[in-house]
Amino acid sequence: MPRLAAEFVTSAFALSGWPRWNRAEIALAGRSNVGKSSLLNAIANTKGLARTSKTPGRTRCLNFFAVGDSIAICDLPGFGYAKMGHDEARKIAAMMNEYIEGRDNLAAIAILVDCRRGPRDEELALAEGARARGVDVIPIATKCDKLKRSERAAAIRRFDSMGIAPILCSATSAEGIDELRRRILALKRRTTEDRIET
């Protein structure tokens, strides 16, 4: 089992608060009720590393976590939560766009989607914007423990529009967690090799 120890570093509401380091960052993005915090805790195998809440949409900033010596995870605010005010939603969207479009450290973005729903316009637009920057896109189909075995093929087909097969993940059963850890650790190796080549 790959080990991935993570620790919280800082929360940032604007560019001025982003950490200045040479770490390759993988961002976690998705709707407010998709289970990002639970998945992050499962990846790091650390209960309470990221705060979970029964009320979606609590994360309103960028949360940075250091992983080992050369990787970081950035937990982005959830989107699509109807009870958030329009002004605040626009502010958060602008902050996320600034990060995704301008953060040099960003090497990959994991787009979390409820496996029972599949990606919609917001997730597809996010993936397209990331690819336009040369950022790797990793689709994550969350809450797969809620699927019956006969429903899995249909759930995977819902991701055809993203052009990449998703990793089926569950923070409850731990399915897919090791594979996601390996993808993150592979990002570390690839980044190190690229740095040596240049």
C-alpha atoms as a PDB file:
ATOM      1  CA  MET A   1       0.000   0.000   0.000  1.00  0.00           C
ATOM      2  CA  PRO A   2       1.507   3.382  -0.982  1.00  0.00           C
ATOM      3  CA  ARG A   3       1.987   5.766   1.925  1.00  0.00           C
ATOM      4  CA  LEU A   4       0.947   9.389   1.586  1.00  0.00           C
ATOM      5  CA  ALA A   5       1.414  11.520   4.687  1.00  0.00           C
ATOM      6  CA  ALA A   6      -0.110  14.987   4.441  1.00  0.00           C
ATOM      7  CA  GLU A   7      -0.245  17.930   6.813  1.00  0.00           C
ATOM      8  CA  PHE A   8      -2.267  21.135   6.695  1.00  0.00           C
ATOM      9  CA  VAL A   9      -0.183  24.236   5.872  1.00  0.00           C
ATOM     10  CA  THR A  10      -2.463  27.225   5.328  1.00  0.00           C
ATOM     11  CA  SER A  11      -5.769  28.578   4.075  1.00  0.00           C
ATOM     12  CA  ALA A  12      -5.745  31.349   1.483  1.00  0.00           C
ATOM     13  CA  PHE A  13      -8.504  33.697   0.348  1.00  0.00           C
ATOM     14  CA  ALA A  14      -6.387  35.483  -2.274  1.00  0.00           C
ATOM     15  CA  LEU A  15      -3.216  35.122  -4.350  1.00  0.00           C
ATOM     16  CA  SER A  16      -1.198  36.878  -1.643  1.00  0.00           C
ATOM     17  CA  GLY A  17      -1.838  33.953   0.701  1.00  0.00           C
ATOM     18  CA  TRP A  18      -0.739  31.188  -1.653  1.00  0.00           C
ATOM     19  CA  PRO A  19       2.375  29.337  -0.402  1.00  0.00           C
ATOM     20  CA  ARG A  20       5.601  30.188  -2.176  1.00  0.00           C
ATOM     21  CA  TRP A  21       7.295  26.871  -2.699  1.00  0.00           C
ATOM     22  CA  ASN A  22       8.544  24.557  -5.455  1.00  0.00           C
ATOM     23  CA  ARG A  23       6.070  21.780  -4.743  1.00  0.00           C
ATOM     24  CA  ALA A  24       4.002  20.253  -7.538  1.00  0.00           C
ATOM     25  CA  GLU A  25       0.356  20.734  -6.610  1.00  0.00           C
ATOM     26  CA  ILE A  26      -2.661  18.565  -7.296  1.00  0.00           C
ATOM     27  CA  ALA A  27      -5.965  20.348  -6.821  1.00  0.00           C
ATOM     28  CA  LEU A  28      -9.141  18.659  -5.600  1.00  0.00           C
ATOM     29  CA  ALA A  29     -12.250  20.133  -7.221  1.00  0.00           C
ATOM     30  CA  GLY A  30     -15.909  19.247  -7.258  1.00  0.00           C
ATOM     31  CA  ARG A  31     -19.394  20.127  -6.156  1.00  0.00           C
ATOM     32  CA  SER A  32     -20.020  21.015  -2.521  1.00  0.00           C
ATOM     33  CA  ASN A  33     -21.682  17.699  -1.681  1.00  0.00           C
ATOM     34  CA  VAL A  34     -19.291  15.400  -3.567  1.00  0.00           C
ATOM     35  CA  GLY A  35     -17.219  14.407  -0.528  1.00  0.00           C
ATOM     36  CA  LYS A  36     -13.882  16.180  -1.127  1.00  0.00           C
ATOM     37  CA  SER A  37     -12.946  16.495   2.544  1.00  0.00           C
ATOM     38  CA  SER A  38     -13.780  12.860   3.294  1.00  0.00           C
ATOM     39  CA  LEU A  39     -11.733  11.725   0.310  1.00  0.00           C
ATOM     40  CA  LEU A  40      -8.755  13.864   1.347  1.00  0.00           C
ATOM     41  CA  ASN A  41      -8.857  12.372   4.837  1.00  0.00           C
ATOM     42  CA  ALA A  42      -8.962   8.888   3.300  1.00  0.00           C
ATOM     43  CA  ILE A  43      -6.045   9.606   0.948  1.00  0.00           C
ATOM     44  CA  ALA A  44      -3.884  10.803   3.836  1.00  0.00           C
ATOM     45  CA  ASN A  45      -5.288   8.145   6.190  1.00  0.00           C
ATOM     46  CA  THR A  46      -5.683  10.936   8.741  1.00  0.00           C
ATOM     47  CA  LYS A  47      -9.052  11.473  10.357  1.00  0.00           C
ATOM     48  CA  GLY A  48      -9.859  15.169  10.711  1.00  0.00           C
ATOM     49  CA  LEU A  49      -7.094  16.443   8.416  1.00  0.00           C
ATOM     50  CA  ALA A  50      -9.748  18.186   6.326  1.00  0.00           C
ATOM     51  CA  ARG A  51     -12.874  19.300   8.115  1.00  0.00           C
ATOM     52  CA  THR A  52     -16.050  17.524   7.062  1.00  0.00           C
ATOM     53  CA  SER A  53     -19.501  18.971   7.557  1.00  0.00           C
ATOM     54  CA  LYS A  54     -23.093  17.836   7.125  1.00  0.00           C
ATOM     55  CA  THR A  55     -23.726  21.254   5.563  1.00  0.00           C
ATOM     56  CA  PRO A  56     -22.307  21.472   2.012  1.00  0.00           C
ATOM     57  CA  GLY A  57     -20.417  24.557   0.892  1.00  0.00           C
ATOM     58  CA  ARG A  58     -18.530  25.336   4.114  1.00  0.00           C
ATOM     59  CA  THR A  59     -15.125  25.583   2.413  1.00  0.00           C
ATOM     60  CA  ARG A  60     -14.789  29.153   1.097  1.00  0.00           C
ATOM     61  CA  CYS A  61     -11.002  29.339   0.599  1.00  0.00           C
ATOM     62  CA  LEU A  62      -8.061  27.381  -0.836  1.00  0.00           C
ATOM     63  CA  ASN A  63      -6.657  24.907   1.683  1.00  0.00           C
ATOM     64  CA  PHE A  64      -3.065  23.787   1.111  1.00  0.00           C
ATOM     65  CA  PHE A  65      -1.612  20.525   2.431  1.00  0.00           C
ATOM     66  CA  ALA A  66       2.041  19.469   2.172  1.00  0.00           C
ATOM     67  CA  VAL A  67       2.741  15.895   1.078  1.00  0.00           C
ATOM     68  CA  GLY A  68       6.290  14.642   1.608  1.00  0.00           C
ATOM     69  CA  ASP A  69       9.086  16.886   0.347  1.00  0.00           C
ATOM     70  CA  SER A  70       7.880  17.914  -3.108  1.00  0.00           C
ATOM     71  CA  ILE A  71       4.090  17.553  -3.470  1.00  0.00           C
ATOM     72  CA  ALA A  72       1.114  19.537  -2.204  1.00  0.00           C
ATOM     73  CA  ILE A  73      -2.638  19.129  -2.347  1.00  0.00           C
ATOM     74  CA  CYS A  74      -4.875  22.153  -2.789  1.00  0.00           C
ATOM     75  CA  ASP A  75      -8.475  21.619  -1.685  1.00  0.00           C
ATOM     76  CA  LEU A  76     -10.611  24.012  -3.718  1.00  0.00           C
ATOM     77  CA  PRO A  77     -13.980  25.371  -2.556  1.00  0.00           C
ATOM     78  CA  GLY A  78     -16.963  23.340  -3.706  1.00  0.00           C
ATOM     79  CA  PHE A  79     -19.168  24.770  -6.429  1.00  0.00           C
ATOM     80  CA  GLY A  80     -22.827  24.518  -7.337  1.00  0.00           C
ATOM     81  CA  TYR A  81     -24.231  25.047  -3.834  1.00  0.00           C
ATOM     82  CA  ALA A  82     -27.562  26.864  -4.234  1.00  0.00           C
ATOM     83  CA  LYS A  83     -27.720  28.448  -0.757  1.00  0.00           C
ATOM     84  CA  MET A  84     -24.554  30.470  -1.331  1.00  0.00           C
ATOM     85  CA  GLY A  85     -25.191  34.152  -2.136  1.00  0.00           C
ATOM     86  CA  HIS A  86     -24.517  35.266  -5.706  1.00  0.00           C
ATOM     87  CA  ASP A  87     -21.834  37.788  -4.710  1.00  0.00           C
ATOM     88  CA  GLU A  88     -19.964  35.252  -2.610  1.00  0.00           C
ATOM     89  CA  ALA A  89     -20.312  32.600  -5.311  1.00  0.00           C
ATOM     90  CA  ARG A  90     -18.817  34.984  -7.896  1.00  0.00           C
ATOM     91  CA  LYS A  91     -15.957  35.845  -5.562  1.00  0.00           C
ATOM     92  CA  ILE A  92     -15.141  32.186  -4.942  1.00  0.00           C
ATOM     93  CA  ALA A  93     -15.412  31.362  -8.658  1.00  0.00           C
ATOM     94  CA  ALA A  94     -12.988  34.192  -9.488  1.00  0.00           C
ATOM     95  CA  MET A  95     -10.523  32.953  -6.856  1.00  0.00           C
ATOM     96  CA  MET A  96     -10.675  29.407  -8.222  1.00  0.00           C
ATOM     97  CA  ASN A  97     -10.236  30.577 -11.821  1.00  0.00           C
ATOM     98  CA  GLU A  98      -7.241  32.678 -10.803  1.00  0.00           C
ATOM     99  CA  TYR A  99      -5.653  29.625  -9.198  1.00  0.00           C
ATOM    100  CA  ILE A 100      -6.402  27.188 -12.023  1.00  0.00           C
ATOM    101  CA  GLU A 101      -5.392  29.579 -14.805  1.00  0.00           C
ATOM    102  CA  GLY A 102      -2.367  31.157 -13.163  1.00  0.00           C
ATOM    103  CA  ARG A 103      -0.790  28.846 -10.598  1.00  0.00           C
ATOM    104  CA  ASP A 104       2.543  27.651 -11.980  1.00  0.00           C
ATOM    105  CA  ASN A 105       2.780  24.895  -9.359  1.00  0.00           C
ATOM    106  CA  LEU A 106      -0.453  23.262 -10.533  1.00  0.00           C
ATOM    107  CA  ALA A 107       0.440  19.948 -12.187  1.00  0.00           C
ATOM    108  CA  ALA A 108      -2.840  18.028 -11.968  1.00  0.00           C
ATOM    109  CA  ILE A 109      -6.457  18.503 -11.002  1.00  0.00           C
ATOM    110  CA  ALA A 110      -8.604  15.726  -9.596  1.00  0.00           C
ATOM    111  CA  ILE A 111     -12.215  16.443 -10.531  1.00  0.00           C
ATOM    112  CA  LEU A 112     -14.552  14.682  -8.132  1.00  0.00           C
ATOM    113  CA  VAL A 113     -17.998  13.715  -9.415  1.00  0.00           C
ATOM    114  CA  ASP A 114     -20.733  11.692  -7.732  1.00  0.00           C
ATOM    115  CA  CYS A 115     -20.642   8.384  -9.612  1.00  0.00           C
ATOM    116  CA  ARG A 116     -24.443   8.221  -9.677  1.00  0.00           C
ATOM    117  CA  ARG A 117     -24.707  11.532 -11.553  1.00  0.00           C
ATOM    118  CA  GLY A 118     -21.732  11.876 -13.869  1.00  0.00           C
ATOM    119  CA  PRO A 119     -19.999  15.089 -14.994  1.00  0.00           C
ATOM    120  CA  ARG A 120     -22.036  18.116 -16.070  1.00  0.00           C
ATOM    121  CA  ASP A 121     -21.179  21.447 -17.656  1.00  0.00           C
ATOM    122  CA  GLU A 122     -19.183  22.771 -14.671  1.00  0.00           C
ATOM    123  CA  GLU A 123     -16.937  19.729 -14.453  1.00  0.00           C
ATOM    124  CA  LEU A 124     -16.475  19.534 -18.227  1.00  0.00           C
ATOM    125  CA  ALA A 125     -15.542  23.220 -18.401  1.00  0.00           C
ATOM    126  CA  LEU A 126     -13.079  22.749 -15.537  1.00  0.00           C
ATOM    127  CA  ALA A 127     -11.441  19.821 -17.324  1.00  0.00           C
ATOM    128  CA  GLU A 128     -11.231  21.752 -20.589  1.00  0.00           C
ATOM    129  CA  GLY A 129      -9.623  24.753 -18.898  1.00  0.00           C
ATOM    130  CA  ALA A 130      -7.074  22.550 -17.139  1.00  0.00           C
ATOM    131  CA  ARG A 131      -6.127  20.736 -20.338  1.00  0.00           C
ATOM    132  CA  ALA A 132      -5.718  24.068 -22.139  1.00  0.00           C
ATOM    133  CA  ARG A 133      -2.964  24.857 -19.617  1.00  0.00           C
ATOM    134  CA  GLY A 134      -1.335  21.445 -19.975  1.00  0.00           C
ATOM    135  CA  VAL A 135      -2.545  20.361 -16.536  1.00  0.00           C
ATOM    136  CA  ASP A 136      -3.334  16.655 -16.064  1.00  0.00           C
ATOM    137  CA  VAL A 137      -6.983  15.834 -15.396  1.00  0.00           C
ATOM    138  CA  ILE A 138      -7.867  12.932 -13.083  1.00  0.00           C
ATOM    139  CA  PRO A 139     -11.612  12.178 -12.963  1.00  0.00           C
ATOM    140  CA  ILE A 140     -12.730  10.689  -9.655  1.00  0.00           C
ATOM    141  CA  ALA A 141     -16.099   8.940  -9.385  1.00  0.00           C
ATOM    142  CA  THR A 142     -16.922   9.297  -5.682  1.00  0.00           C
ATOM    143  CA  LYS A 143     -19.316   7.357  -3.446  1.00  0.00           C
ATOM    144  CA  CYS A 144     -18.936   4.201  -5.531  1.00  0.00           C
ATOM    145  CA  ASP A 145     -19.874   2.121  -2.466  1.00  0.00           C
ATOM    146  CA  LYS A 146     -23.461   3.209  -3.152  1.00  0.00           C
ATOM    147  CA  LEU A 147     -23.453   1.470  -6.547  1.00  0.00           C
ATOM    148  CA  LYS A 148     -24.695  -2.038  -7.139  1.00  0.00           C
ATOM    149  CA  ARG A 149     -22.296  -4.189  -9.134  1.00  0.00           C
ATOM    150  CA  SER A 150     -24.726  -4.141 -12.058  1.00  0.00           C
ATOM    151  CA  GLU A 151     -24.673  -0.311 -12.059  1.00  0.00           C
ATOM    152  CA  ARG A 152     -20.913   0.158 -12.346  1.00  0.00           C
ATOM    153  CA  ALA A 153     -20.543  -0.065 -16.124  1.00  0.00           C
ATOM    154  CA  ALA A 154     -23.228   2.586 -16.623  1.00  0.00           C
ATOM    155  CA  ALA A 155     -21.584   4.820 -14.027  1.00  0.00           C
ATOM    156  CA  ILE A 156     -18.240   4.655 -15.859  1.00  0.00           C
ATOM    157  CA  ARG A 157     -19.931   5.408 -19.199  1.00  0.00           C
ATOM    158  CA  ARG A 158     -21.255   8.660 -17.736  1.00  0.00           C
ATOM    159  CA  PHE A 159     -17.666   9.912 -17.834  1.00  0.00           C
ATOM    160  CA  ASP A 160     -17.219   9.331 -21.583  1.00  0.00           C
ATOM    161  CA  SER A 161     -17.683  13.053 -22.212  1.00  0.00           C
ATOM    162  CA  MET A 162     -14.504  13.748 -20.203  1.00  0.00           C
ATOM    163  CA  GLY A 163     -12.471  11.477 -22.461  1.00  0.00           C
ATOM    164  CA  ILE A 164     -10.813   9.683 -19.516  1.00  0.00           C
ATOM    165  CA  ALA A 165     -12.035   6.702 -17.517  1.00  0.00           C
ATOM    166  CA  PRO A 166     -12.583   7.684 -13.882  1.00  0.00           C
ATOM    167  CA  ILE A 167     -11.084   6.175 -10.767  1.00  0.00           C
ATOM    168  CA  LEU A 168     -13.970   4.679  -8.783  1.00  0.00           C
ATOM    169  CA  CYS A 169     -13.448   5.856  -5.214  1.00  0.00           C
ATOM    170  CA  SER A 170     -15.130   5.554  -1.853  1.00  0.00           C
ATOM    171  CA  ALA A 171     -13.977   7.207   1.351  1.00  0.00           C
ATOM    172  CA  THR A 172     -16.199   4.721   3.198  1.00  0.00           C
ATOM    173  CA  SER A 173     -14.937   1.432   1.725  1.00  0.00           C
ATOM    174  CA  ALA A 174     -11.470   2.764   0.696  1.00  0.00           C
ATOM    175  CA  GLU A 175     -11.956   1.479  -2.859  1.00  0.00           C
ATOM    176  CA  GLY A 176      -9.758   3.382  -5.304  1.00  0.00           C
ATOM    177  CA  ILE A 177      -7.837   5.206  -2.571  1.00  0.00           C
ATOM    178  CA  ASP A 178      -4.569   3.332  -3.186  1.00  0.00           C
ATOM    179  CA  GLU A 179      -4.817   3.971  -6.917  1.00  0.00           C
ATOM    180  CA  LEU A 180      -5.305   7.694  -6.310  1.00  0.00           C
ATOM    181  CA  ARG A 181      -2.335   7.717  -3.933  1.00  0.00           C
ATOM    182  CA  ARG A 182      -0.211   6.085  -6.632  1.00  0.00           C
ATOM    183  CA  ARG A 183      -1.294   8.741  -9.143  1.00  0.00           C
ATOM    184  CA  ILE A 184      -0.254  11.473  -6.722  1.00  0.00           C
ATOM    185  CA  LEU A 185       3.107   9.823  -5.977  1.00  0.00           C
ATOM    186  CA  ALA A 186       3.694   9.309  -9.717  1.00  0.00           C
ATOM    187  CA  LEU A 187       3.213  13.046 -10.103  1.00  0.00           C
ATOM    188  CA  LYS A 188       6.089  13.507  -7.689  1.00  0.00           C
ATOM    189  CA  ARG A 189       8.402  11.249  -9.701  1.00  0.00           C
ATOM    190  CA  ARG A 190       7.457  12.824 -13.032  1.00  0.00           C
ATOM    191  CA  THR A 191       7.990  16.312 -11.674  1.00  0.00           C
ATOM    192  CA  THR A 192      11.392  15.396 -10.278  1.00  0.00           C
ATOM    193  CA  GLU A 193      12.457  13.901 -13.622  1.00  0.00           C
ATOM    194  CA  ASP A 194      11.277  16.969 -15.539  1.00  0.00           C
ATOM    195  CA  ARG A 195      13.252  19.196 -13.208  1.00  0.00           C
ATOM    196  CA  ILE A 196      16.406  17.156 -13.801  1.00  0.00           C
ATOM    197  CA  GLU A 197      15.913  17.269 -17.590  1.00  0.00           C
ATOM    198  CA  THR A 198      15.612  21.037 -17.616  1.00  0.00           C
END
